[in-house]
């Protein structure tokens, strides 16, 4: 269960860094097309892997609700990381 949470968090961080605004605030440089594509594909693959890891557990309908709950929690965490990063500047 913890592995699925971490995989989902990595996927969301990758997807958020694929956005030019967030990438520039973290790395102080422009996001290239290659990096954008790599981060986007990596993010979606990690999110897909997290739901596959979760559906191996039973009962599946309850686990999908749990995955959605953790997705919301991870979105709040990633947004918090971005806001803390912007305040420190």
PDB file of N, CA and C in Angstrom:
ATOM      1  N   UNK A   1       0.822  -1.190   0.000  1.00  0.00           N
ATOM      2  CA  UNK A   1       0.000   0.000   0.000  1.00  0.00           C
ATOM      3  C   UNK A   1       0.869   1.258   0.000  1.00  0.00           C
ATOM      4  N   UNK A   2       1.919   1.261   0.806  1.00  0.00           N
ATOM      5  CA  UNK A   2       2.821   2.405   0.860  1.00  0.00           C
ATOM      6  C   UNK A   2       3.559   2.577  -0.467  1.00  0.00           C
ATOM      7  N   UNK A   3       3.900   1.460  -1.092  1.00  0.00           N
ATOM      8  CA  UNK A   3       4.579   1.511  -2.399  1.00  0.00           C
ATOM      9  C   UNK A   3       3.680   2.204  -3.428  1.00  0.00           C
ATOM     10  N   UNK A   4       2.397   1.888  -3.428  1.00  0.00           N
ATOM     11  CA  UNK A   4       1.464   2.509  -4.362  1.00  0.00           C
ATOM     12  C   UNK A   4       1.377   4.008  -4.101  1.00  0.00           C
ATOM     13  N   UNK A   5       1.387   4.409  -2.847  1.00  0.00           N
ATOM     14  CA  UNK A   5       1.320   5.823  -2.487  1.00  0.00           C
ATOM     15  C   UNK A   5       2.546   6.576  -3.008  1.00  0.00           C
ATOM     16  N   UNK A   6       3.718   6.009  -2.823  1.00  0.00           N
ATOM     17  CA  UNK A   6       4.963   6.654  -3.262  1.00  0.00           C
ATOM     18  C   UNK A   6       5.026   6.716  -4.788  1.00  0.00           C
ATOM     19  N   UNK A   7       4.626   5.646  -5.458  1.00  0.00           N
ATOM     20  CA  UNK A   7       4.618   5.618  -6.928  1.00  0.00           C
ATOM     21  C   UNK A   7       3.658   6.681  -7.459  1.00  0.00           C
ATOM     22  N   UNK A   8       2.512   6.818  -6.828  1.00  0.00           N
ATOM     23  CA  UNK A   8       1.535   7.822  -7.243  1.00  0.00           C
ATOM     24  C   UNK A   8       2.087   9.230  -7.019  1.00  0.00           C
ATOM     25  N   UNK A   9       2.767   9.453  -5.912  1.00  0.00           N
ATOM     26  CA  UNK A   9       3.353  10.754  -5.619  1.00  0.00           C
ATOM     27  C   UNK A   9       4.432  11.112  -6.635  1.00  0.00           C
ATOM     28  N   UNK A  10       5.276  10.155  -6.996  1.00  0.00           N
ATOM     29  CA  UNK A  10       6.305  10.392  -8.003  1.00  0.00           C
ATOM     30  C   UNK A  10       5.668  10.737  -9.348  1.00  0.00           C
ATOM     31  N   UNK A  11       4.598  10.042  -9.701  1.00  0.00           N
ATOM     32  CA  UNK A  11       3.899  10.329 -10.943  1.00  0.00           C
ATOM     33  C   UNK A  11       3.332  11.741 -10.974  1.00  0.00           C
ATOM     34  N   UNK A  12       2.736  12.174  -9.867  1.00  0.00           N
ATOM     35  CA  UNK A  12       2.171  13.519  -9.817  1.00  0.00           C
ATOM     36  C   UNK A  12       3.251  14.596  -9.831  1.00  0.00           C
ATOM     37  N   UNK A  13       4.368  14.342  -9.173  1.00  0.00           N
ATOM     38  CA  UNK A  13       5.474  15.303  -9.211  1.00  0.00           C
ATOM     39  C   UNK A  13       6.017  15.413 -10.631  1.00  0.00           C
ATOM     40  N   UNK A  14       6.141  14.282 -11.315  1.00  0.00           N
ATOM     41  CA  UNK A  14       6.614  14.310 -12.707  1.00  0.00           C
ATOM     42  C   UNK A  14       5.654  15.087 -13.599  1.00  0.00           C
ATOM     43  N   UNK A  15       4.362  14.855 -13.432  1.00  0.00           N
ATOM     44  CA  UNK A  15       3.385  15.585 -14.245  1.00  0.00           C
ATOM     45  C   UNK A  15       3.385  17.080 -13.935  1.00  0.00           C
ATOM     46  N   UNK A  16       3.570  17.433 -12.678  1.00  0.00           N
ATOM     47  CA  UNK A  16       3.585  18.857 -12.351  1.00  0.00           C
ATOM     48  C   UNK A  16       4.851  19.529 -12.878  1.00  0.00           C
ATOM     49  N   UNK A  17       5.971  18.812 -12.862  1.00  0.00           N
ATOM     50  CA  UNK A  17       7.201  19.386 -13.406  1.00  0.00           C
ATOM     51  C   UNK A  17       7.172  19.466 -14.924  1.00  0.00           C
ATOM     52  N   UNK A  18       6.272  18.753 -15.566  1.00  0.00           N
ATOM     53  CA  UNK A  18       6.124  18.849 -17.018  1.00  0.00           C
ATOM     54  C   UNK A  18       5.473  20.171 -17.419  1.00  0.00           C
ATOM     55  N   UNK A  19       4.949  20.896 -16.451  1.00  0.00           N
ATOM     56  CA  UNK A  19       4.384  22.228 -16.723  1.00  0.00           C
ATOM     57  C   UNK A  19       5.523  23.244 -16.669  1.00  0.00           C
ATOM     58  N   UNK A  20       5.584  24.109 -17.669  1.00  0.00           N
ATOM     59  CA  UNK A  20       6.696  25.048 -17.801  1.00  0.00           C
ATOM     60  C   UNK A  20       6.862  25.944 -16.577  1.00  0.00           C
ATOM     61  N   UNK A  21       5.760  26.409 -16.021  1.00  0.00           N
ATOM     62  CA  UNK A  21       5.811  27.309 -14.866  1.00  0.00           C
ATOM     63  C   UNK A  21       6.475  26.641 -13.661  1.00  0.00           C
ATOM     64  N   UNK A  22       6.072  25.421 -13.350  1.00  0.00           N
ATOM     65  CA  UNK A  22       6.626  24.719 -12.187  1.00  0.00           C
ATOM     66  C   UNK A  22       8.064  24.306 -12.429  1.00  0.00           C
ATOM     67  N   UNK A  23       8.374  23.879 -13.647  1.00  0.00           N
ATOM     68  CA  UNK A  23       9.745  23.475 -13.959  1.00  0.00           C
ATOM     69  C   UNK A  23      10.688  24.667 -13.813  1.00  0.00           C
ATOM     70  N   UNK A  24      10.264  25.820 -14.316  1.00  0.00           N
ATOM     71  CA  UNK A  24      11.112  27.007 -14.247  1.00  0.00           C
ATOM     72  C   UNK A  24      11.307  27.479 -12.807  1.00  0.00           C
ATOM     73  N   UNK A  25      10.280  27.349 -11.969  1.00  0.00           N
ATOM     74  CA  UNK A  25      10.420  27.777 -10.577  1.00  0.00           C
ATOM     75  C   UNK A  25      11.350  26.855  -9.783  1.00  0.00           C
ATOM     76  N   UNK A  26      11.430  25.585 -10.162  1.00  0.00           N
ATOM     77  CA  UNK A  26      12.306  24.660  -9.455  1.00  0.00           C
ATOM     78  C   UNK A  26      13.738  24.678  -9.978  1.00  0.00           C
ATOM     79  N   UNK A  27      13.897  24.722 -11.295  1.00  0.00           N
ATOM     80  CA  UNK A  27      15.218  24.548 -11.885  1.00  0.00           C
ATOM     81  C   UNK A  27      15.812  25.820 -12.475  1.00  0.00           C
ATOM     82  N   UNK A  28      15.062  26.922 -12.460  1.00  0.00           N
ATOM     83  CA  UNK A  28      15.529  28.223 -12.947  1.00  0.00           C
ATOM     84  C   UNK A  28      15.991  28.192 -14.399  1.00  0.00           C
ATOM     85  N   UNK A  29      15.370  27.362 -15.197  1.00  0.00           N
ATOM     86  CA  UNK A  29      15.664  27.317 -16.631  1.00  0.00           C
ATOM     87  C   UNK A  29      14.415  26.853 -17.365  1.00  0.00           C
ATOM     88  N   UNK A  30      14.455  27.024 -18.672  1.00  0.00           N
ATOM     89  CA  UNK A  30      13.300  26.690 -19.501  1.00  0.00           C
ATOM     90  C   UNK A  30      13.252  25.180 -19.747  1.00  0.00           C
ATOM     91  N   UNK A  31      12.059  24.660 -19.780  1.00  0.00           N
ATOM     92  CA  UNK A  31      11.821  23.238 -20.036  1.00  0.00           C
ATOM     93  C   UNK A  31      11.943  22.961 -21.532  1.00  0.00           C
ATOM     94  N   UNK A  32      12.787  22.014 -21.900  1.00  0.00           N
ATOM     95  CA  UNK A  32      12.917  21.660 -23.312  1.00  0.00           C
ATOM     96  C   UNK A  32      11.792  20.709 -23.722  1.00  0.00           C
ATOM     97  N   UNK A  33      11.605  20.573 -25.015  1.00  0.00           N
ATOM     98  CA  UNK A  33      10.547  19.692 -25.535  1.00  0.00           C
ATOM     99  C   UNK A  33      10.813  18.250 -25.125  1.00  0.00           C
ATOM    100  N   UNK A  34      12.053  17.837 -25.184  1.00  0.00           N
ATOM    101  CA  UNK A  34      12.424  16.455 -24.810  1.00  0.00           C
ATOM    102  C   UNK A  34      12.132  16.191 -23.336  1.00  0.00           C
ATOM    103  N   UNK A  35      12.510  17.138 -22.472  1.00  0.00           N
ATOM    104  CA  UNK A  35      12.249  16.971 -21.042  1.00  0.00           C
ATOM    105  C   UNK A  35      10.748  16.979 -20.753  1.00  0.00           C
ATOM    106  N   UNK A  36      10.020  17.830 -21.463  1.00  0.00           N
ATOM    107  CA  UNK A  36       8.568  17.889 -21.291  1.00  0.00           C
ATOM    108  C   UNK A  36       7.929  16.547 -21.624  1.00  0.00           C
ATOM    109  N   UNK A  37       8.309  15.987 -22.745  1.00  0.00           N
ATOM    110  CA  UNK A  37       7.758  14.695 -23.155  1.00  0.00           C
ATOM    111  C   UNK A  37       8.153  13.592 -22.174  1.00  0.00           C
ATOM    112  N   UNK A  38       9.432  13.606 -21.745  1.00  0.00           N
ATOM    113  CA  UNK A  38       9.908  12.580 -20.819  1.00  0.00           C
ATOM    114  C   UNK A  38       9.167  12.654 -19.480  1.00  0.00           C
ATOM    115  N   UNK A  39       8.997  13.858 -18.940  1.00  0.00           N
ATOM    116  CA  UNK A  39       8.310  14.011 -17.659  1.00  0.00           C
ATOM    117  C   UNK A  39       6.835  13.632 -17.762  1.00  0.00           C
ATOM    118  N   UNK A  40       6.194  13.993 -18.865  1.00  0.00           N
ATOM    119  CA  UNK A  40       4.783  13.662 -19.054  1.00  0.00           C
ATOM    120  C   UNK A  40       4.580  12.154 -19.152  1.00  0.00           C
ATOM    121  N   UNK A  41       5.381  11.496 -19.974  1.00  0.00           N
ATOM    122  CA  UNK A  41       5.254  10.036 -20.126  1.00  0.00           C
ATOM    123  C   UNK A  41       5.577   9.333 -18.816  1.00  0.00           C
ATOM    124  N   UNK A  42       6.627   9.786 -18.140  1.00  0.00           N
ATOM    125  CA  UNK A  42       6.999   9.181 -16.858  1.00  0.00           C
ATOM    126  C   UNK A  42       5.883   9.338 -15.824  1.00  0.00           C
ATOM    127  N   UNK A  43       5.298  10.524 -15.765  1.00  0.00           N
ATOM    128  CA  UNK A  43       4.213  10.769 -14.810  1.00  0.00           C
ATOM    129  C   UNK A  43       3.019   9.870 -15.039  1.00  0.00           C
ATOM    130  N   UNK A  44       2.581   9.754 -16.309  1.00  0.00           N
ATOM    131  CA  UNK A  44       1.427   8.903 -16.610  1.00  0.00           C
ATOM    132  C   UNK A  44       1.745   7.431 -16.383  1.00  0.00           C
ATOM    133  N   UNK A  45       2.973   7.011 -16.684  1.00  0.00           N
ATOM    134  CA  UNK A  45       3.337   5.614 -16.439  1.00  0.00           C
ATOM    135  C   UNK A  45       3.334   5.289 -14.946  1.00  0.00           C
ATOM    136  N   UNK A  46       3.843   6.207 -14.135  1.00  0.00           N
ATOM    137  CA  UNK A  46       3.848   5.973 -12.693  1.00  0.00           C
ATOM    138  C   UNK A  46       2.425   5.963 -12.126  1.00  0.00           C
ATOM    139  N   UNK A  47       1.543   6.836 -12.630  1.00  0.00           N
ATOM    140  CA  UNK A  47       0.150   6.805 -12.171  1.00  0.00           C
ATOM    141  C   UNK A  47      -0.537   5.499 -12.574  1.00  0.00           C
ATOM    142  N   UNK A  48      -0.273   5.042 -13.791  1.00  0.00           N
ATOM    143  CA  UNK A  48      -0.845   3.765 -14.236  1.00  0.00           C
ATOM    144  C   UNK A  48      -0.305   2.613 -13.389  1.00  0.00           C
ATOM    145  N   UNK A  49       0.995   2.645 -13.098  1.00  0.00           N
ATOM    146  CA  UNK A  49       1.595   1.599 -12.269  1.00  0.00           C
ATOM    147  C   UNK A  49       0.983   1.607 -10.873  1.00  0.00           C
ATOM    148  N   UNK A  50       0.698   2.783 -10.341  1.00  0.00           N
ATOM    149  CA  UNK A  50       0.124   2.843  -8.987  1.00  0.00           C
ATOM    150  C   UNK A  50      -1.262   2.212  -8.941  1.00  0.00           C
ATOM    151  N   UNK A  51      -2.064   2.429  -9.975  1.00  0.00           N
ATOM    152  CA  UNK A  51      -3.407   1.829  -9.957  1.00  0.00           C
ATOM    153  C   UNK A  51      -3.329   0.324 -10.216  1.00  0.00           C
ATOM    154  N   UNK A  52      -2.344  -0.124 -11.004  1.00  0.00           N
ATOM    155  CA  UNK A  52      -2.162  -1.564 -11.212  1.00  0.00           C
ATOM    156  C   UNK A  52      -1.738  -2.224  -9.907  1.00  0.00           C
ATOM    157  N   UNK A  53      -0.812  -1.584  -9.178  1.00  0.00           N
ATOM    158  CA  UNK A  53      -0.388  -2.126  -7.880  1.00  0.00           C
ATOM    159  C   UNK A  53      -1.566  -2.219  -6.914  1.00  0.00           C
ATOM    160  N   UNK A  54      -2.426  -1.251  -6.962  1.00  0.00           N
ATOM    161  CA  UNK A  54      -3.561  -1.231  -6.048  1.00  0.00           C
ATOM    162  C   UNK A  54      -4.616  -2.263  -6.405  1.00  0.00           C
ATOM    163  N   UNK A  55      -4.854  -2.477  -7.689  1.00  0.00           N
ATOM    164  CA  UNK A  55      -5.917  -3.415  -8.062  1.00  0.00           C
ATOM    165  C   UNK A  55      -5.517  -4.868  -7.806  1.00  0.00           C
ATOM    166  N   UNK A  56      -4.272  -5.095  -7.464  1.00  0.00           N
ATOM    167  CA  UNK A  56      -3.871  -6.445  -7.060  1.00  0.00           C
ATOM    168  C   UNK A  56      -4.429  -6.801  -5.689  1.00  0.00           C
ATOM    169  N   UNK A  57      -4.825  -5.798  -4.930  1.00  0.00           N
ATOM    170  CA  UNK A  57      -5.394  -6.028  -3.604  1.00  0.00           C
ATOM    171  C   UNK A  57      -6.902  -6.229  -3.721  1.00  0.00           C
ATOM    172  N   UNK A  58      -7.486  -6.849  -2.728  1.00  0.00           N
ATOM    173  CA  UNK A  58      -8.932  -7.070  -2.738  1.00  0.00           C
ATOM    174  C   UNK A  58      -9.564  -6.262  -1.633  1.00  0.00           C
ATOM    175  N   UNK A  59     -10.746  -5.875  -1.723  1.00  0.00           N
ATOM    176  CA  UNK A  59     -11.703  -5.843  -2.825  1.00  0.00           C
ATOM    177  C   UNK A  59     -11.407  -4.662  -3.763  1.00  0.00           C
ATOM    178  N   UNK A  60     -11.487  -4.918  -5.041  1.00  0.00           N
ATOM    179  CA  UNK A  60     -11.084  -3.930  -6.051  1.00  0.00           C
ATOM    180  C   UNK A  60     -11.881  -2.635  -6.017  1.00  0.00           C
ATOM    181  N   UNK A  61     -13.213  -2.674  -5.941  1.00  0.00           N
ATOM    182  CA  UNK A  61     -13.944  -1.391  -5.926  1.00  0.00           C
ATOM    183  C   UNK A  61     -13.536  -0.487  -4.760  1.00  0.00           C
ATOM    184  N   UNK A  62     -13.333  -1.072  -3.604  1.00  0.00           N
ATOM    185  CA  UNK A  62     -12.911  -0.290  -2.452  1.00  0.00           C
ATOM    186  C   UNK A  62     -11.494   0.250  -2.655  1.00  0.00           C
ATOM    187  N   UNK A  63     -10.619  -0.528  -3.270  1.00  0.00           N
ATOM    188  CA  UNK A  63      -9.242  -0.095  -3.510  1.00  0.00           C
ATOM    189  C   UNK A  63      -9.188   1.049  -4.529  1.00  0.00           C
ATOM    190  N   UNK A  64     -10.100   1.056  -5.495  1.00  0.00           N
ATOM    191  CA  UNK A  64     -10.141   2.161  -6.457  1.00  0.00           C
ATOM    192  C   UNK A  64     -10.598   3.444  -5.772  1.00  0.00           C
ATOM    193  N   UNK A  65     -11.537   3.340  -4.844  1.00  0.00           N
ATOM    194  CA  UNK A  65     -11.950   4.504  -4.059  1.00  0.00           C
ATOM    195  C   UNK A  65     -10.775   4.987  -3.212  1.00  0.00           C
ATOM    196  N   UNK A  66     -10.021   4.062  -2.636  1.00  0.00           N
ATOM    197  CA  UNK A  66      -8.858   4.395  -1.830  1.00  0.00           C
ATOM    198  C   UNK A  66      -7.791   5.084  -2.691  1.00  0.00           C
ATOM    199  N   UNK A  67      -7.587   4.598  -3.926  1.00  0.00           N
ATOM    200  CA  UNK A  67      -6.620   5.204  -4.849  1.00  0.00           C
ATOM    201  C   UNK A  67      -7.020   6.642  -5.161  1.00  0.00           C
ATOM    202  N   UNK A  68      -8.321   6.866  -5.368  1.00  0.00           N
ATOM    203  CA  UNK A  68      -8.812   8.208  -5.660  1.00  0.00           C
ATOM    204  C   UNK A  68      -8.618   9.133  -4.458  1.00  0.00           C
ATOM    205  N   UNK A  69      -8.839   8.616  -3.269  1.00  0.00           N
ATOM    206  CA  UNK A  69      -8.611   9.387  -2.053  1.00  0.00           C
ATOM    207  C   UNK A  69      -7.147   9.778  -1.931  1.00  0.00           C
ATOM    208  N   UNK A  70      -6.259   8.831  -2.159  1.00  0.00           N
ATOM    209  CA  UNK A  70      -4.831   9.128  -2.077  1.00  0.00           C
ATOM    210  C   UNK A  70      -4.380  10.064  -3.194  1.00  0.00           C
ATOM    211  N   UNK A  71      -5.034   9.999  -4.349  1.00  0.00           N
ATOM    212  CA  UNK A  71      -4.722  10.920  -5.437  1.00  0.00           C
ATOM    213  C   UNK A  71      -4.999  12.356  -5.001  1.00  0.00           C
ATOM    214  N   UNK A  72      -6.136  12.573  -4.371  1.00  0.00           N
ATOM    215  CA  UNK A  72      -6.454  13.906  -3.864  1.00  0.00           C
ATOM    216  C   UNK A  72      -5.464  14.373  -2.810  1.00  0.00           C
ATOM    217  N   UNK A  73      -5.085  13.478  -1.915  1.00  0.00           N
ATOM    218  CA  UNK A  73      -4.097  13.810  -0.889  1.00  0.00           C
ATOM    219  C   UNK A  73      -2.755  14.162  -1.522  1.00  0.00           C
ATOM    220  N   UNK A  74      -2.337  13.386  -2.509  1.00  0.00           N
ATOM    221  CA  UNK A  74      -1.067  13.656  -3.176  1.00  0.00           C
ATOM    222  C   UNK A  74      -1.102  14.966  -3.953  1.00  0.00           C
ATOM    223  N   UNK A  75      -2.236  15.311  -4.534  1.00  0.00           N
ATOM    224  CA  UNK A  75      -2.350  16.590  -5.241  1.00  0.00           C
ATOM    225  C   UNK A  75      -2.164  17.745  -4.257  1.00  0.00           C
ATOM    226  N   UNK A  76      -2.743  17.628  -3.077  1.00  0.00           N
ATOM    227  CA  UNK A  76      -2.574  18.662  -2.050  1.00  0.00           C
ATOM    228  C   UNK A  76      -1.110  18.749  -1.624  1.00  0.00           C
ATOM    229  N   UNK A  77      -0.435  17.613  -1.478  1.00  0.00           N
ATOM    230  CA  UNK A  77       0.977  17.602  -1.084  1.00  0.00           C
ATOM    231  C   UNK A  77       1.837  18.256  -2.155  1.00  0.00           C
ATOM    232  N   UNK A  78       1.610  17.915  -3.417  1.00  0.00           N
ATOM    233  CA  UNK A  78       2.395  18.503  -4.510  1.00  0.00           C
ATOM    234  C   UNK A  78       2.136  20.004  -4.598  1.00  0.00           C
ATOM    235  N   UNK A  79       0.893  20.433  -4.441  1.00  0.00           N
ATOM    236  CA  UNK A  79       0.582  21.861  -4.454  1.00  0.00           C
ATOM    237  C   UNK A  79       1.272  22.568  -3.286  1.00  0.00           C
ATOM    238  N   UNK A  80       1.309  21.922  -2.138  1.00  0.00           N
ATOM    239  CA  UNK A  80       2.014  22.488  -0.992  1.00  0.00           C
ATOM    240  C   UNK A  80       3.497  22.619  -1.242  1.00  0.00           C
ATOM    241  N   UNK A  81       4.093  21.622  -1.872  1.00  0.00           N
ATOM    242  CA  UNK A  81       5.520  21.701  -2.203  1.00  0.00           C
ATOM    243  C   UNK A  81       5.801  22.867  -3.137  1.00  0.00           C
ATOM    244  N   UNK A  82       4.937  23.059  -4.117  1.00  0.00           N
ATOM    245  CA  UNK A  82       5.125  24.169  -5.049  1.00  0.00           C
ATOM    246  C   UNK A  82       4.955  25.511  -4.349  1.00  0.00           C
ATOM    247  N   UNK A  83       3.986  25.615  -3.461  1.00  0.00           N
ATOM    248  CA  UNK A  83       3.772  26.899  -2.788  1.00  0.00           C
ATOM    249  C   UNK A  83       4.907  27.216  -1.801  1.00  0.00           C
ATOM    250  N   UNK A  84       5.430  26.199  -1.119  1.00  0.00           N
ATOM    251  CA  UNK A  84       6.562  26.413  -0.220  1.00  0.00           C
ATOM    252  C   UNK A  84       7.782  26.851  -1.019  1.00  0.00           C
ATOM    253  N   UNK A  85       7.972  26.241  -2.158  1.00  0.00           N
ATOM    254  CA  UNK A  85       9.092  26.605  -3.022  1.00  0.00           C
ATOM    255  C   UNK A  85       8.978  28.058  -3.483  1.00  0.00           C
ATOM    256  N   UNK A  86       7.770  28.511  -3.819  1.00  0.00           N
ATOM    257  CA  UNK A  86       7.576  29.885  -4.282  1.00  0.00           C
ATOM    258  C   UNK A  86       7.717  30.899  -3.149  1.00  0.00           C
ATOM    259  N   UNK A  87       7.378  30.527  -1.921  1.00  0.00           N
ATOM    260  CA  UNK A  87       7.508  31.432  -0.784  1.00  0.00           C
ATOM    261  C   UNK A  87       8.980  31.632  -0.439  1.00  0.00           C
ATOM    262  N   UNK A  88       9.801  30.589  -0.564  1.00  0.00           N
ATOM    263  CA  UNK A  88      11.215  30.678  -0.219  1.00  0.00           C
ATOM    264  C   UNK A  88      11.981  31.617  -1.146  1.00  0.00           C
ATOM    265  N   UNK A  89      11.460  31.846  -2.356  1.00  0.00           N
ATOM    266  CA  UNK A  89      12.171  32.707  -3.303  1.00  0.00           C
ATOM    267  C   UNK A  89      12.048  34.088  -2.877  1.00  0.00           C
TER     268      UNK A  89
END
